């Protein structure tokens, strides 16, 4: 893997994580679902889950199904 490919993959991953974070925050604002443990209004969708799936998808695209 050369530097140009690594740089392009890094940019794509960062762009995907940024869009996922913004989308998740927007959906949390729209849905206003409460969390079961604290009752705060940021229960759905899970930021951890959405970021994990985005990162796994990016790894899958870059390194293949075994890594992703």
PDB file of N, CA and C in Angstrom:
ATOM      1  N   UNK A   1       0.857  -1.172   0.000  1.00  0.00           N
ATOM      2  CA  UNK A   1       0.000   0.000   0.000  1.00  0.00           C
ATOM      3  C   UNK A   1       0.907   1.239   0.000  1.00  0.00           C
ATOM      4  N   UNK A   2       0.746   2.098  -0.988  1.00  0.00           N
ATOM      5  CA  UNK A   2       1.601   3.276  -1.059  1.00  0.00           C
ATOM      6  C   UNK A   2       1.006   4.453  -0.281  1.00  0.00           C
ATOM      7  N   UNK A   3       1.765   5.507  -0.181  1.00  0.00           N
ATOM      8  CA  UNK A   3       1.355   6.665   0.635  1.00  0.00           C
ATOM      9  C   UNK A   3       0.105   7.348   0.088  1.00  0.00           C
ATOM     10  N   UNK A   4      -0.007   7.432  -1.233  1.00  0.00           N
ATOM     11  CA  UNK A   4      -1.176   8.095  -1.827  1.00  0.00           C
ATOM     12  C   UNK A   4      -2.456   7.333  -1.517  1.00  0.00           C
ATOM     13  N   UNK A   5      -2.385   6.016  -1.605  1.00  0.00           N
ATOM     14  CA  UNK A   5      -3.552   5.200  -1.295  1.00  0.00           C
ATOM     15  C   UNK A   5      -3.909   5.304   0.180  1.00  0.00           C
ATOM     16  N   UNK A   6      -2.915   5.258   1.043  1.00  0.00           N
ATOM     17  CA  UNK A   6      -3.150   5.372   2.476  1.00  0.00           C
ATOM     18  C   UNK A   6      -3.764   6.728   2.822  1.00  0.00           C
ATOM     19  N   UNK A   7      -3.268   7.791   2.192  1.00  0.00           N
ATOM     20  CA  UNK A   7      -3.806   9.129   2.421  1.00  0.00           C
ATOM     21  C   UNK A   7      -5.261   9.214   1.959  1.00  0.00           C
ATOM     22  N   UNK A   8      -5.557   8.677   0.794  1.00  0.00           N
ATOM     23  CA  UNK A   8      -6.927   8.707   0.268  1.00  0.00           C
ATOM     24  C   UNK A   8      -7.868   7.903   1.164  1.00  0.00           C
ATOM     25  N   UNK A   9      -7.409   6.739   1.632  1.00  0.00           N
ATOM     26  CA  UNK A   9      -8.237   5.919   2.527  1.00  0.00           C
ATOM     27  C   UNK A   9      -8.482   6.633   3.853  1.00  0.00           C
ATOM     28  N   UNK A  10      -7.461   7.302   4.358  1.00  0.00           N
ATOM     29  CA  UNK A  10      -7.614   8.057   5.611  1.00  0.00           C
ATOM     30  C   UNK A  10      -8.607   9.200   5.455  1.00  0.00           C
ATOM     31  N   UNK A  11      -8.519   9.903   4.334  1.00  0.00           N
ATOM     32  CA  UNK A  11      -9.474  10.989   4.070  1.00  0.00           C
ATOM     33  C   UNK A  11     -10.894  10.461   3.974  1.00  0.00           C
ATOM     34  N   UNK A  12     -11.073   9.338   3.293  1.00  0.00           N
ATOM     35  CA  UNK A  12     -12.408   8.756   3.151  1.00  0.00           C
ATOM     36  C   UNK A  12     -12.963   8.331   4.510  1.00  0.00           C
ATOM     37  N   UNK A  13     -12.119   7.731   5.342  1.00  0.00           N
ATOM     38  CA  UNK A  13     -12.551   7.306   6.666  1.00  0.00           C
ATOM     39  C   UNK A  13     -12.936   8.503   7.526  1.00  0.00           C
ATOM     40  N   UNK A  14     -12.122   9.529   7.526  1.00  0.00           N
ATOM     41  CA  UNK A  14     -12.426  10.729   8.309  1.00  0.00           C
ATOM     42  C   UNK A  14     -13.698  11.407   7.826  1.00  0.00           C
ATOM     43  N   UNK A  15     -13.888  11.469   6.520  1.00  0.00           N
ATOM     44  CA  UNK A  15     -15.103  12.057   5.962  1.00  0.00           C
ATOM     45  C   UNK A  15     -16.336  11.239   6.358  1.00  0.00           C
ATOM     46  N   UNK A  16     -16.220   9.924   6.306  1.00  0.00           N
ATOM     47  CA  UNK A  16     -17.343   9.053   6.684  1.00  0.00           C
ATOM     48  C   UNK A  16     -17.669   9.196   8.168  1.00  0.00           C
ATOM     49  N   UNK A  17     -16.636   9.248   9.029  1.00  0.00           N
ATOM     50  CA  UNK A  17     -16.872   9.405  10.468  1.00  0.00           C
ATOM     51  C   UNK A  17     -17.494  10.765  10.782  1.00  0.00           C
ATOM     52  N   UNK A  18     -17.072  11.804  10.073  1.00  0.00           N
ATOM     53  CA  UNK A  18     -17.641  13.135  10.279  1.00  0.00           C
ATOM     54  C   UNK A  18     -19.111  13.164   9.888  1.00  0.00           C
ATOM     55  N   UNK A  19     -19.427  12.621   8.718  1.00  0.00           N
ATOM     56  CA  UNK A  19     -20.825  12.594   8.277  1.00  0.00           C
ATOM     57  C   UNK A  19     -21.692  11.741   9.197  1.00  0.00           C
ATOM     58  N   UNK A  20     -21.138  10.639   9.668  1.00  0.00           N
ATOM     59  CA  UNK A  20     -21.878   9.782  10.591  1.00  0.00           C
ATOM     60  C   UNK A  20     -22.148  10.503  11.907  1.00  0.00           C
ATOM     61  N   UNK A  21     -21.140  11.200  12.428  1.00  0.00           N
ATOM     62  CA  UNK A  21     -21.323  11.947  13.668  1.00  0.00           C
ATOM     63  C   UNK A  21     -22.383  13.021  13.535  1.00  0.00           C
ATOM     64  N   UNK A  22     -22.339  13.767  12.441  1.00  0.00           N
ATOM     65  CA  UNK A  22     -23.344  14.817  12.220  1.00  0.00           C
ATOM     66  C   UNK A  22     -24.737  14.228  12.041  1.00  0.00           C
ATOM     67  N   UNK A  23     -24.826  13.138  11.291  1.00  0.00           N
ATOM     68  CA  UNK A  23     -26.129  12.496  11.081  1.00  0.00           C
ATOM     69  C   UNK A  23     -26.690  11.944  12.387  1.00  0.00           C
ATOM     70  N   UNK A  24     -25.828  11.343  13.189  1.00  0.00           N
ATOM     71  CA  UNK A  24     -26.272  10.791  14.471  1.00  0.00           C
ATOM     72  C   UNK A  24     -26.772  11.896  15.389  1.00  0.00           C
ATOM     73  N   UNK A  25     -26.032  13.012  15.443  1.00  0.00           N
ATOM     74  CA  UNK A  25     -26.469  14.132  16.290  1.00  0.00           C
ATOM     75  C   UNK A  25     -27.803  14.699  15.806  1.00  0.00           C
ATOM     76  N   UNK A  26     -27.984  14.786  14.490  1.00  0.00           N
ATOM     77  CA  UNK A  26     -29.241  15.288  13.947  1.00  0.00           C
ATOM     78  C   UNK A  26     -30.397  14.350  14.284  1.00  0.00           C
ATOM     79  N   UNK A  27     -30.176  13.048  14.142  1.00  0.00           N
ATOM     80  CA  UNK A  27     -31.225  12.087  14.469  1.00  0.00           C
ATOM     81  C   UNK A  27     -31.551  12.087  15.960  1.00  0.00           C
ATOM     82  N   UNK A  28     -30.542  12.267  16.805  1.00  0.00           N
ATOM     83  CA  UNK A  28     -30.794  12.345  18.248  1.00  0.00           C
ATOM     84  C   UNK A  28     -31.674  13.548  18.571  1.00  0.00           C
ATOM     85  N   UNK A  29     -31.442  14.657  17.876  1.00  0.00           N
ATOM     86  CA  UNK A  29     -32.246  15.862  18.087  1.00  0.00           C
ATOM     87  C   UNK A  29     -33.676  15.656  17.611  1.00  0.00           C
ATOM     88  N   UNK A  30     -33.841  15.005  16.472  1.00  0.00           N
ATOM     89  CA  UNK A  30     -35.173  14.801  15.894  1.00  0.00           C
ATOM     90  C   UNK A  30     -35.988  13.800  16.705  1.00  0.00           C
ATOM     91  N   UNK A  31     -35.374  12.686  17.106  1.00  0.00           N
ATOM     92  CA  UNK A  31     -36.142  11.627  17.759  1.00  0.00           C
ATOM     93  C   UNK A  31     -36.397  11.879  19.240  1.00  0.00           C
ATOM     94  N   UNK A  32     -35.472  12.505  19.942  1.00  0.00           N
ATOM     95  CA  UNK A  32     -35.618  12.805  21.374  1.00  0.00           C
ATOM     96  C   UNK A  32     -36.053  11.578  22.180  1.00  0.00           C
ATOM     97  N   UNK A  33     -35.370  10.479  21.987  1.00  0.00           N
ATOM     98  CA  UNK A  33     -35.658   9.239  22.703  1.00  0.00           C
ATOM     99  C   UNK A  33     -34.858   9.224  23.999  1.00  0.00           C
ATOM    100  N   UNK A  34     -35.485   8.859  25.096  1.00  0.00           N
ATOM    101  CA  UNK A  34     -34.788   8.885  26.381  1.00  0.00           C
ATOM    102  C   UNK A  34     -33.966   7.614  26.596  1.00  0.00           C
ATOM    103  N   UNK A  35     -32.856   7.779  27.316  1.00  0.00           N
ATOM    104  CA  UNK A  35     -32.002   6.644  27.662  1.00  0.00           C
ATOM    105  C   UNK A  35     -32.625   5.892  28.825  1.00  0.00           C
ATOM    106  N   UNK A  36     -32.516   4.565  28.840  1.00  0.00           N
ATOM    107  CA  UNK A  36     -33.138   3.792  29.920  1.00  0.00           C
ATOM    108  C   UNK A  36     -32.443   3.978  31.276  1.00  0.00           C
ATOM    109  N   UNK A  37     -31.136   4.264  31.276  1.00  0.00           N
ATOM    110  CA  UNK A  37     -30.428   4.347  32.549  1.00  0.00           C
ATOM    111  C   UNK A  37     -30.481   5.730  33.198  1.00  0.00           C
ATOM    112  N   UNK A  38     -30.428   6.801  32.405  1.00  0.00           N
ATOM    113  CA  UNK A  38     -30.382   8.145  32.988  1.00  0.00           C
ATOM    114  C   UNK A  38     -31.612   8.994  32.674  1.00  0.00           C
ATOM    115  N   UNK A  39     -32.339   8.628  31.645  1.00  0.00           N
ATOM    116  CA  UNK A  39     -33.514   9.399  31.276  1.00  0.00           C
ATOM    117  C   UNK A  39     -33.207  10.621  30.431  1.00  0.00           C
ATOM    118  N   UNK A  40     -31.932  10.876  30.096  1.00  0.00           N
ATOM    119  CA  UNK A  40     -31.614  12.005  29.236  1.00  0.00           C
ATOM    120  C   UNK A  40     -32.104  11.731  27.819  1.00  0.00           C
ATOM    121  N   UNK A  41     -32.314  12.795  27.066  1.00  0.00           N
ATOM    122  CA  UNK A  41     -32.920  12.666  25.747  1.00  0.00           C
ATOM    123  C   UNK A  41     -31.886  12.452  24.637  1.00  0.00           C
ATOM    124  N   UNK A  42     -30.997  11.515  24.807  1.00  0.00           N
ATOM    125  CA  UNK A  42     -30.042  11.212  23.740  1.00  0.00           C
ATOM    126  C   UNK A  42     -29.850   9.702  23.595  1.00  0.00           C
ATOM    127  N   UNK A  43     -30.955   8.976  23.632  1.00  0.00           N
ATOM    128  CA  UNK A  43     -30.876   7.522  23.627  1.00  0.00           C
ATOM    129  C   UNK A  43     -30.756   6.886  22.264  1.00  0.00           C
ATOM    130  N   UNK A  44     -31.401   7.406  21.265  1.00  0.00           N
ATOM    131  CA  UNK A  44     -31.410   6.796  19.941  1.00  0.00           C
ATOM    132  C   UNK A  44     -31.020   7.833  18.900  1.00  0.00           C
ATOM    133  N   UNK A  45     -30.251   7.506  17.947  1.00  0.00           N
ATOM    134  CA  UNK A  45     -29.454   6.305  17.750  1.00  0.00           C
ATOM    135  C   UNK A  45     -28.173   6.360  18.564  1.00  0.00           C
ATOM    136  N   UNK A  46     -27.573   5.225  18.776  1.00  0.00           N
ATOM    137  CA  UNK A  46     -26.348   5.140  19.556  1.00  0.00           C
ATOM    138  C   UNK A  46     -25.167   5.672  18.750  1.00  0.00           C
ATOM    139  N   UNK A  47     -24.483   6.642  19.316  1.00  0.00           N
ATOM    140  CA  UNK A  47     -23.297   7.188  18.659  1.00  0.00           C
ATOM    141  C   UNK A  47     -22.175   6.179  18.578  1.00  0.00           C
ATOM    142  N   UNK A  48     -22.025   5.369  19.637  1.00  0.00           N
ATOM    143  CA  UNK A  48     -20.979   4.350  19.637  1.00  0.00           C
ATOM    144  C   UNK A  48     -21.226   3.320  18.539  1.00  0.00           C
ATOM    145  N   UNK A  49     -22.455   2.902  18.396  1.00  0.00           N
ATOM    146  CA  UNK A  49     -22.774   1.891  17.378  1.00  0.00           C
ATOM    147  C   UNK A  49     -22.591   2.440  15.971  1.00  0.00           C
ATOM    148  N   UNK A  50     -23.065   3.640  15.736  1.00  0.00           N
ATOM    149  CA  UNK A  50     -22.951   4.200  14.390  1.00  0.00           C
ATOM    150  C   UNK A  50     -21.495   4.451  14.011  1.00  0.00           C
ATOM    151  N   UNK A  51     -20.683   4.931  14.950  1.00  0.00           N
ATOM    152  CA  UNK A  51     -19.266   5.158  14.667  1.00  0.00           C
ATOM    153  C   UNK A  51     -18.527   3.832  14.459  1.00  0.00           C
ATOM    154  N   UNK A  52     -18.865   2.827  15.260  1.00  0.00           N
ATOM    155  CA  UNK A  52     -18.218   1.520  15.113  1.00  0.00           C
ATOM    156  C   UNK A  52     -18.517   0.905  13.755  1.00  0.00           C
ATOM    157  N   UNK A  53     -19.765   0.977  13.328  1.00  0.00           N
ATOM    158  CA  UNK A  53     -20.130   0.423  12.028  1.00  0.00           C
ATOM    159  C   UNK A  53     -19.467   1.190  10.883  1.00  0.00           C
ATOM    160  N   UNK A  54     -19.377   2.504  11.023  1.00  0.00           N
ATOM    161  CA  UNK A  54     -18.714   3.305   9.993  1.00  0.00           C
ATOM    162  C   UNK A  54     -17.250   2.934   9.881  1.00  0.00           C
ATOM    163  N   UNK A  55     -16.587   2.796  11.024  1.00  0.00           N
ATOM    164  CA  UNK A  55     -15.169   2.448  11.011  1.00  0.00           C
ATOM    165  C   UNK A  55     -14.954   1.034  10.472  1.00  0.00           C
ATOM    166  N   UNK A  56     -15.818   0.099  10.862  1.00  0.00           N
ATOM    167  CA  UNK A  56     -15.702  -1.276  10.359  1.00  0.00           C
ATOM    168  C   UNK A  56     -15.930  -1.323   8.852  1.00  0.00           C
ATOM    169  N   UNK A  57     -16.872  -0.551   8.361  1.00  0.00           N
ATOM    170  CA  UNK A  57     -17.126  -0.500   6.918  1.00  0.00           C
ATOM    171  C   UNK A  57     -15.934   0.077   6.180  1.00  0.00           C
ATOM    172  N   UNK A  58     -15.324   1.098   6.745  1.00  0.00           N
ATOM    173  CA  UNK A  58     -14.138   1.688   6.129  1.00  0.00           C
ATOM    174  C   UNK A  58     -12.981   0.696   6.104  1.00  0.00           C
ATOM    175  N   UNK A  59     -12.782  -0.035   7.203  1.00  0.00           N
ATOM    176  CA  UNK A  59     -11.734  -1.061   7.226  1.00  0.00           C
ATOM    177  C   UNK A  59     -12.025  -2.164   6.215  1.00  0.00           C
ATOM    178  N   UNK A  60     -13.290  -2.532   6.090  1.00  0.00           N
ATOM    179  CA  UNK A  60     -13.686  -3.557   5.134  1.00  0.00           C
ATOM    180  C   UNK A  60     -13.371  -3.124   3.714  1.00  0.00           C
ATOM    181  N   UNK A  61     -13.651  -1.882   3.417  1.00  0.00           N
ATOM    182  CA  UNK A  61     -13.396  -1.378   2.069  1.00  0.00           C
ATOM    183  C   UNK A  61     -11.895  -1.278   1.779  1.00  0.00           C
ATOM    184  N   UNK A  62     -11.116  -0.920   2.795  1.00  0.00           N
ATOM    185  CA  UNK A  62      -9.686  -0.738   2.601  1.00  0.00           C
ATOM    186  C   UNK A  62      -8.921  -2.056   2.614  1.00  0.00           C
ATOM    187  N   UNK A  63      -9.212  -2.928   3.591  1.00  0.00           N
ATOM    188  CA  UNK A  63      -8.393  -4.118   3.791  1.00  0.00           C
ATOM    189  C   UNK A  63      -9.106  -5.435   3.502  1.00  0.00           C
ATOM    190  N   UNK A  64     -10.400  -5.399   3.234  1.00  0.00           N
ATOM    191  CA  UNK A  64     -11.117  -6.617   2.902  1.00  0.00           C
ATOM    192  C   UNK A  64     -12.028  -7.090   4.029  1.00  0.00           C
ATOM    193  N   UNK A  65     -12.807  -8.122   3.733  1.00  0.00           N
ATOM    194  CA  UNK A  65     -13.824  -8.616   4.655  1.00  0.00           C
ATOM    195  C   UNK A  65     -13.250  -9.169   5.955  1.00  0.00           C
ATOM    196  N   UNK A  66     -12.079  -9.778   5.894  1.00  0.00           N
ATOM    197  CA  UNK A  66     -11.522 -10.390   7.105  1.00  0.00           C
ATOM    198  C   UNK A  66     -11.237  -9.334   8.170  1.00  0.00           C
ATOM    199  N   UNK A  67     -10.714  -8.181   7.788  1.00  0.00           N
ATOM    200  CA  UNK A  67     -10.410  -7.112   8.748  1.00  0.00           C
ATOM    201  C   UNK A  67     -11.676  -6.357   9.121  1.00  0.00           C
ATOM    202  N   UNK A  68     -12.473  -6.022   8.141  1.00  0.00           N
ATOM    203  CA  UNK A  68     -13.683  -5.236   8.391  1.00  0.00           C
ATOM    204  C   UNK A  68     -14.694  -5.999   9.188  1.00  0.00           C
TER     205      UNK A  68
END
